[in-house]
Amino acid sequence: MNKLQFKGEWHELKGKLRQKFADLTDDDLAYTQGQEEELLGHLQKKLGKSQQEIAQLINTP
């Protein structure tokens, strides 16, 4: 999978993910530039979704 491309501001995306998945915490959504793959893996494990599904959630406007 290619490097994640975050569209818009990360804070806005965090809000959208939290609305869709209420069990996500600040720690779950901790993002540091250059750590995209680690974030993807953590969300995949936490939500029980595939890498492709998580990438679609993040990259959906």
Protein backbone atom coordinates (compact mmCIF):
# COMPACT_ATOMS: atom_id res chain seq x y z
CA MET A 1 0.00 0.00 0.00
CA ASN A 2 1.25 3.48 -0.82
CA LYS A 3 1.85 6.10 1.81
CA LEU A 4 -1.43 7.43 3.17
CA GLN A 5 -2.54 10.70 1.71
CA PHE A 6 -4.41 12.71 4.32
CA LYS A 7 -6.87 15.14 2.76
CA GLY A 8 -7.71 18.26 4.70
CA GLU A 9 -6.64 18.87 8.25
CA TRP A 10 -5.91 15.98 10.57
CA HIS A 11 -8.09 17.42 13.35
CA GLU A 12 -11.12 17.42 11.06
CA LEU A 13 -10.45 13.84 10.04
CA LYS A 14 -10.08 12.78 13.68
CA GLY A 15 -13.50 14.22 14.40
CA LYS A 16 -15.08 12.32 11.53
CA LEU A 17 -13.47 9.04 12.60
CA ARG A 18 -14.64 9.58 16.17
CA GLN A 19 -18.20 10.20 15.01
CA LYS A 20 -18.18 6.98 13.01
CA PHE A 21 -16.30 4.90 15.62
CA ALA A 22 -17.16 6.13 19.11
CA ASP A 23 -14.71 3.77 20.82
CA LEU A 24 -11.65 5.52 19.33
CA THR A 25 -9.61 7.54 21.84
CA ASP A 26 -7.04 10.34 21.51
CA ASP A 27 -4.31 7.72 21.87
CA ASP A 28 -5.84 5.65 19.07
CA LEU A 29 -5.77 8.66 16.78
CA ALA A 30 -2.34 9.96 17.75
CA TYR A 31 -0.65 10.91 14.48
CA THR A 32 2.90 12.02 13.95
CA GLN A 33 4.12 13.04 10.55
CA GLY A 34 5.93 10.11 8.95
CA GLN A 35 4.13 7.54 11.09
CA GLU A 36 1.26 6.84 8.71
CA GLU A 37 1.84 3.09 8.51
CA GLU A 38 1.84 2.74 12.30
CA LEU A 39 -1.43 4.67 12.54
CA LEU A 40 -2.95 2.51 9.81
CA GLY A 41 -1.90 -0.69 11.58
CA HIS A 42 -3.25 0.50 14.92
CA LEU A 43 -6.61 1.48 13.46
CA GLN A 44 -6.79 -1.78 11.54
CA LYS A 45 -6.29 -3.76 14.74
CA LYS A 46 -8.64 -1.59 16.83
CA LEU A 47 -11.50 -1.54 14.29
CA GLY A 48 -11.07 -5.01 12.80
CA LYS A 49 -10.94 -3.64 9.26
CA SER A 50 -8.53 -4.28 6.39
CA GLN A 51 -5.78 -1.84 5.46
CA GLN A 52 -7.73 -0.91 2.34
CA GLU A 53 -10.91 -0.20 4.33
CA ILE A 54 -9.01 2.03 6.77
CA ALA A 55 -7.27 3.87 3.93
CA GLN A 56 -10.65 4.49 2.28
CA LEU A 57 -12.04 5.88 5.55
CA ILE A 58 -9.10 8.23 5.92
CA ASN A 59 -8.97 9.34 2.31
CA THR A 60 -12.73 9.84 1.87
CA PRO A 61 -13.62 13.54 1.70
